[in-house]
Amino acid sequence: MRHLPAARHAAPTLHVCASATTPVHHEPDAHSQAVSALLYGEGFDVLETRDGWCWGQCRHDGYVGYVAAETLTLAGIAPSHRVAAAAAHIFSAASIKSAPVGWLPMGAQVQALDAEPPFLRVGAGFVHARTLELRHAFAPDHVAAAQRLVGSPYLWGGRTRAGLDCSGLVQVALAAAGIAAPRDSDQQQVLGVAIDPADGLRRGDLVFLPGHVGIMTDAETLLHANAWWMTTLAEPLADVLARQAAAGRPGIVAARRL
């Protein structure tokens, strides 16, 4: 669901995600397929609200779907920071010993106010400053950002430490480095420039298989969220290609260098 049907164009109302993360569904039903997810603070242009569901479009990548209305709020003050760690606790007080009252995923956008160092106030809670970066202070290496999410379980449509799919991992890691990326692996094949894998791969290259994408951590190792192991891990690219061949599926269909 990537485009707005012409018959349903309307003046959008900008909302933002008010939960740590919330699914973007294919249908207005909590049991329907989650096609993507919003992260805390990300924008969602609402075009229609009915029976507890908002239909609209994600601001960051144009994806269209249904989001539970209770997980959105009208956009307010622009965020000042984003979460740079794999995940960050929201504490009830400016102390690591205080009770956690929530959490935020990598890429969440927040308005953070000065509090008792090393904490910043976020909403009604407190977040450790070393888990945050200024909103436009980006990581120099998207591979390092992706590596923070190693061990995250595989989840179709997921974009957080709680669950990722292959293209969600790539999108979130690139966003941490200030690189906007489409949501789906086929769309991501326009990123960077095309390269021939036979000429050698290197750290940071994107490697595409049918319906799948991963990030090279070096010339031989692929980091990816995958449904084979149901987790996010780095493994020899040769092992991935051997599984493809054993299943009678094609190998690398594209490679891109950023």
Protein backbone atom coordinates (compact mmCIF):
# COMPACT_ATOMS: atom_id res chain seq x y z
CA MET A 1 0.00 0.00 0.00
CA ARG A 2 2.22 2.76 -1.29
CA HIS A 3 -0.05 5.23 -3.07
CA LEU A 4 -3.18 7.20 -2.32
CA PRO A 5 -6.14 6.20 -4.53
CA ALA A 6 -7.25 9.29 -6.46
CA ALA A 7 -10.85 8.93 -5.26
CA ARG A 8 -9.76 9.27 -1.64
CA HIS A 9 -7.64 12.41 -1.82
CA ALA A 10 -8.51 14.82 0.98
CA ALA A 11 -6.84 17.57 2.98
CA PRO A 12 -4.62 15.71 5.46
CA THR A 13 -4.32 16.43 9.18
CA LEU A 14 -0.82 15.84 10.49
CA HIS A 15 -0.62 13.53 13.49
CA VAL A 16 2.37 11.90 15.14
CA CYS A 17 2.83 8.49 16.67
CA ALA A 18 2.31 8.70 20.45
CA SER A 19 3.27 5.08 21.20
CA ALA A 20 6.76 3.60 21.17
CA THR A 21 5.72 2.00 17.90
CA THR A 22 2.42 1.19 16.25
CA PRO A 23 1.63 -1.03 13.26
CA VAL A 24 0.45 0.35 9.95
CA HIS A 25 -2.21 -2.15 8.89
CA HIS A 26 -3.48 -3.21 5.48
CA GLU A 27 -7.06 -3.08 6.75
CA PRO A 28 -8.81 -1.34 9.71
CA ASP A 29 -8.47 -4.47 11.81
CA ALA A 30 -5.88 -5.26 14.49
CA HIS A 31 -5.64 -8.80 13.12
CA SER A 32 -4.93 -7.71 9.53
CA GLN A 33 -1.45 -7.73 8.03
CA ALA A 34 0.92 -5.08 9.35
CA VAL A 35 2.57 -3.60 6.26
CA SER A 36 4.88 -1.31 8.24
CA ALA A 37 5.14 0.54 11.53
CA LEU A 38 5.40 4.07 12.86
CA LEU A 39 7.95 5.04 15.49
CA TYR A 40 7.29 7.49 18.31
CA GLY A 41 7.19 11.03 16.95
CA GLU A 42 6.98 10.09 13.26
CA GLY A 43 4.37 11.94 11.24
CA PHE A 44 1.21 10.41 9.77
CA ASP A 45 -1.08 12.41 7.50
CA VAL A 46 -4.61 11.41 8.48
CA LEU A 47 -7.17 11.58 5.67
CA GLU A 48 -10.06 9.72 7.29
CA THR A 49 -11.00 8.56 10.79
CA ARG A 50 -13.69 5.97 11.35
CA ASP A 51 -14.48 3.38 14.03
CA GLY A 52 -11.23 3.94 15.91
CA TRP A 53 -8.99 3.76 12.84
CA CYS A 54 -7.12 6.48 10.96
CA TRP A 55 -6.44 5.98 7.27
CA GLY A 56 -3.57 7.97 5.83
CA GLN A 57 0.05 8.16 4.78
CA CYS A 58 3.36 7.94 6.62
CA ARG A 59 5.30 11.19 6.28
CA HIS A 60 8.75 9.57 6.26
CA ASP A 61 8.25 7.16 3.34
CA GLY A 62 4.79 7.68 1.81
CA TYR A 63 3.44 4.31 2.93
CA VAL A 64 -0.36 4.16 3.16
CA GLY A 65 -2.45 2.19 5.61
CA TYR A 66 -4.58 2.13 8.74
CA VAL A 67 -3.34 3.09 12.19
CA ALA A 68 -5.23 2.72 15.46
CA ALA A 69 -6.45 6.22 16.37
CA GLU A 70 -5.54 5.77 20.03
CA THR A 71 -1.84 5.54 19.12
CA LEU A 72 -1.78 8.94 17.36
CA THR A 73 -1.95 12.52 18.53
CA LEU A 74 -2.05 15.86 16.74
CA ALA A 75 1.41 17.16 15.85
CA GLY A 76 2.73 19.78 18.25
CA ILE A 77 6.21 21.10 19.04
CA ALA A 78 8.87 19.91 16.63
CA PRO A 79 11.16 17.23 18.04
CA SER A 80 14.63 18.23 19.21
CA HIS A 81 16.25 14.80 19.56
CA ARG A 82 16.05 11.29 18.23
CA VAL A 83 16.89 7.97 19.86
CA ALA A 84 20.31 6.74 18.72
CA ALA A 85 20.53 3.63 20.91
CA ALA A 86 18.83 0.39 19.90
CA ALA A 87 16.19 1.26 22.49
CA ALA A 88 15.85 3.64 25.42
CA HIS A 89 13.93 3.34 28.67
CA ILE A 90 11.69 6.15 29.84
CA PHE A 91 12.16 6.37 33.62
CA SER A 92 9.73 7.79 36.16
CA ALA A 93 12.47 9.93 37.71
CA ALA A 94 15.96 11.14 36.78
CA SER A 95 17.59 7.96 38.06
CA ILE A 96 18.47 4.60 36.53
CA LYS A 97 17.03 3.04 39.69
CA SER A 98 13.59 4.54 39.16
CA ALA A 99 10.77 2.53 37.66
CA PRO A 100 10.62 2.45 33.86
CA VAL A 101 7.32 3.77 32.53
CA GLY A 102 7.89 3.14 28.84
CA TRP A 103 10.47 2.75 26.13
CA LEU A 104 11.49 4.30 22.82
CA PRO A 105 12.97 2.62 19.73
CA MET A 106 15.95 3.71 17.65
CA GLY A 107 14.80 6.52 15.40
CA ALA A 108 12.05 7.77 17.70
CA GLN A 109 11.77 11.57 17.59
CA VAL A 110 11.25 13.41 20.87
CA GLN A 111 11.13 16.87 22.37
CA ALA A 112 13.74 16.66 25.14
CA LEU A 113 14.11 19.28 27.87
CA ASP A 114 16.93 19.85 30.33
CA ALA A 115 16.60 17.94 33.57
CA GLU A 116 19.00 16.55 36.16
CA PRO A 117 22.12 15.40 34.25
CA PRO A 118 22.64 12.95 32.66
CA PHE A 119 18.87 12.80 32.07
CA LEU A 120 16.59 14.76 29.79
CA ARG A 121 12.88 15.14 30.32
CA VAL A 122 10.75 13.54 27.62
CA GLY A 123 7.03 14.02 28.19
CA ALA A 124 6.21 12.96 31.73
CA GLY A 125 9.36 10.83 32.06
CA PHE A 126 13.13 10.94 31.86
CA VAL A 127 15.51 9.48 29.27
CA HIS A 128 19.26 9.06 29.67
CA ALA A 129 21.02 11.64 27.50
CA ARG A 130 23.54 9.14 26.11
CA THR A 131 20.74 7.24 24.37
CA LEU A 132 19.76 10.38 22.44
CA GLU A 133 21.29 12.57 19.73
CA LEU A 134 20.22 15.94 18.44
CA ARG A 135 17.65 15.35 15.73
CA HIS A 136 19.98 16.29 12.86
CA ALA A 137 23.21 14.84 14.32
CA PHE A 138 23.52 11.67 12.29
CA ALA A 139 25.68 8.58 12.71
CA PRO A 140 28.70 8.44 10.37
CA ASP A 141 28.23 4.73 9.63
CA HIS A 142 24.92 3.04 8.80
CA VAL A 143 26.52 -0.37 9.35
CA ALA A 144 27.30 0.44 12.98
CA ALA A 145 23.71 1.64 13.40
CA ALA A 146 22.42 -1.65 11.98
CA GLN A 147 24.73 -3.65 14.23
CA ARG A 148 23.05 -2.15 17.30
CA LEU A 149 19.93 -4.06 16.27
CA VAL A 150 21.58 -7.49 16.07
CA GLY A 151 19.48 -9.97 18.04
CA SER A 152 16.19 -8.27 17.26
CA PRO A 153 13.54 -10.87 16.39
CA TYR A 154 12.23 -11.05 12.86
CA LEU A 155 8.81 -9.43 12.47
CA TRP A 156 7.07 -8.71 9.18
CA GLY A 157 6.43 -4.96 8.98
CA GLY A 158 8.58 -4.25 12.05
CA ARG A 159 11.05 -1.38 12.37
CA THR A 160 12.25 -1.63 16.01
CA ARG A 161 14.36 -3.63 18.47
CA ALA A 162 11.16 -5.46 19.36
CA GLY A 163 10.91 -6.80 15.80
CA LEU A 164 12.29 -6.04 12.34
CA ASP A 165 11.94 -7.20 8.79
CA CYS A 166 14.77 -7.01 6.27
CA SER A 167 13.88 -3.70 4.65
CA GLY A 168 12.86 -2.21 8.00
CA LEU A 169 16.39 -2.84 9.29
CA VAL A 170 17.89 -1.14 6.24
CA GLN A 171 15.49 1.81 6.43
CA VAL A 172 16.09 2.45 10.15
CA ALA A 173 19.86 2.05 9.89
CA LEU A 174 20.08 4.42 6.95
CA ALA A 175 17.83 6.94 8.69
CA ALA A 176 20.24 6.92 11.65
CA ALA A 177 22.94 8.00 9.18
CA GLY A 178 20.72 10.70 7.67
CA ILE A 179 19.87 8.76 4.51
CA ALA A 180 16.19 8.59 3.56
CA ALA A 181 15.17 5.21 2.19
CA PRO A 182 11.96 3.70 0.83
CA ARG A 183 10.18 1.05 2.87
CA ASP A 184 10.31 -2.07 0.68
CA SER A 185 13.33 -4.00 -0.54
CA ASP A 186 12.35 -3.66 -4.20
CA GLN A 187 12.04 0.11 -3.78
CA GLN A 188 15.41 0.26 -2.02
CA GLN A 189 17.13 -0.98 -5.17
CA VAL A 190 17.23 2.66 -6.36
CA LEU A 191 19.54 3.70 -3.51
CA GLY A 192 23.16 4.55 -4.29
CA VAL A 193 24.71 3.21 -7.46
CA ALA A 194 24.59 -0.25 -8.98
CA ILE A 195 27.67 -2.43 -8.55
CA ASP A 196 28.65 -5.87 -9.81
CA PRO A 197 29.13 -8.25 -6.85
CA ALA A 198 31.71 -10.11 -8.94
CA ASP A 199 33.95 -7.03 -8.65
CA GLY A 200 33.94 -7.36 -4.86
CA LEU A 201 31.68 -6.19 -2.07
CA ARG A 202 32.63 -3.98 0.85
CA ARG A 203 31.31 -2.68 4.15
CA GLY A 204 28.05 -0.80 3.74
CA ASP A 205 26.98 -2.27 0.40
CA LEU A 206 23.34 -3.33 0.09
CA VAL A 207 22.80 -6.81 -1.32
CA PHE A 208 19.42 -7.84 -2.71
CA LEU A 209 18.00 -11.30 -3.13
CA PRO A 210 14.45 -12.00 -4.35
CA GLY A 211 12.22 -10.19 -1.82
CA HIS A 212 15.12 -9.64 0.56
CA VAL A 213 17.88 -7.17 1.40
CA GLY A 214 20.84 -7.05 3.76
CA ILE A 215 23.89 -4.91 4.55
CA MET A 216 27.45 -6.09 4.11
CA THR A 217 29.58 -5.62 7.23
CA ASP A 218 32.70 -6.54 5.25
CA ALA A 219 33.49 -8.22 1.94
CA GLU A 220 32.03 -11.57 3.02
CA THR A 221 29.46 -11.03 5.78
CA LEU A 222 25.79 -10.10 5.42
CA LEU A 223 23.85 -8.47 8.25
CA HIS A 224 20.13 -9.00 7.80
CA ALA A 225 16.80 -9.53 9.53
CA ASN A 226 15.56 -12.80 8.13
CA ALA A 227 12.80 -15.35 8.47
CA TRP A 228 15.22 -18.30 8.17
CA TRP A 229 16.73 -17.71 11.60
CA MET A 230 13.81 -15.50 12.75
CA THR A 231 16.27 -12.94 14.05
CA THR A 232 18.68 -10.20 13.00
CA LEU A 233 22.23 -11.47 12.61
CA ALA A 234 25.42 -11.37 10.59
CA GLU A 235 26.45 -14.51 8.73
CA PRO A 236 28.61 -15.41 5.74
CA LEU A 237 26.97 -14.29 2.52
CA ALA A 238 28.12 -17.62 1.05
CA ASP A 239 25.87 -19.45 3.54
CA VAL A 240 22.87 -17.34 2.52
CA LEU A 241 23.52 -18.02 -1.15
CA ALA A 242 23.94 -21.74 -0.48
CA ARG A 243 20.49 -21.84 1.16
CA GLN A 244 19.04 -20.04 -1.84
CA ALA A 245 20.60 -22.53 -4.24
CA ALA A 246 19.46 -25.53 -2.17
CA ALA A 247 15.89 -24.21 -2.33
CA GLY A 248 16.11 -23.62 -6.07
CA ARG A 249 15.86 -19.85 -5.67
CA PRO A 250 17.96 -17.18 -7.41
CA GLY A 251 20.92 -15.62 -5.66
CA ILE A 252 21.90 -11.96 -5.74
CA VAL A 253 19.61 -9.93 -8.01
CA ALA A 254 21.16 -6.51 -7.32
CA ALA A 255 23.83 -4.77 -5.25
CA ARG A 256 24.06 -1.07 -4.48
CA ARG A 257 26.82 1.10 -3.06
CA LEU A 258 25.85 4.22 -1.12
